[in-house]
Amino acid sequence: MANIYVNLIQKGLKTIEEVPKTIRKEVQAILDADIAD
């Protein structure tokens, strides 16, 4: 589920604030790791 939100954020369709709080940290970690690459 986190990967779906990551893809939507990367496409500009969602923001991190729109991600449910229960998985927001996981989504942010994936985004941060993707930026670091």
Protein backbone atom coordinates (compact mmCIF):
# COMPACT_ATOMS: atom_id res chain seq x y z
CA MET A 1 0.00 0.00 0.00
CA ALA A 2 2.86 2.37 0.78
CA ASN A 3 4.25 1.92 -2.72
CA ILE A 4 0.95 3.05 -4.22
CA TYR A 5 1.12 6.30 -2.26
CA VAL A 6 4.79 6.75 -3.20
CA ASN A 7 3.88 6.46 -6.88
CA LEU A 8 0.98 8.91 -6.52
CA ILE A 9 3.20 11.43 -4.74
CA GLN A 10 5.93 11.10 -7.35
CA LYS A 11 3.34 11.73 -10.09
CA GLY A 12 2.07 14.81 -8.26
CA LEU A 13 -1.38 13.36 -7.64
CA LYS A 14 -1.08 13.24 -3.84
CA THR A 15 0.95 14.95 -1.13
CA ILE A 16 2.50 13.40 1.98
CA GLU A 17 -0.20 15.15 4.05
CA GLU A 18 -2.85 13.13 2.21
CA VAL A 19 -1.28 9.80 3.19
CA PRO A 20 -2.97 8.06 6.14
CA LYS A 21 -1.00 8.64 9.34
CA THR A 22 -0.68 4.90 9.91
CA ILE A 23 1.67 4.50 6.91
CA ARG A 24 2.97 8.05 6.48
CA LYS A 25 6.36 7.30 8.08
CA GLU A 26 6.86 4.30 5.81
CA VAL A 27 5.95 6.32 2.71
CA GLN A 28 8.27 9.16 3.76
CA ALA A 29 11.12 6.69 4.32
CA ILE A 30 10.67 5.26 0.82
CA LEU A 31 10.59 8.75 -0.69
CA ASP A 32 13.71 9.76 1.27
CA ALA A 33 15.56 6.63 0.16
CA ASP A 34 14.54 7.24 -3.46
CA ILE A 35 15.86 10.81 -3.33
CA ALA A 36 19.16 9.61 -1.81
CA ASP A 37 19.80 7.27 -4.76
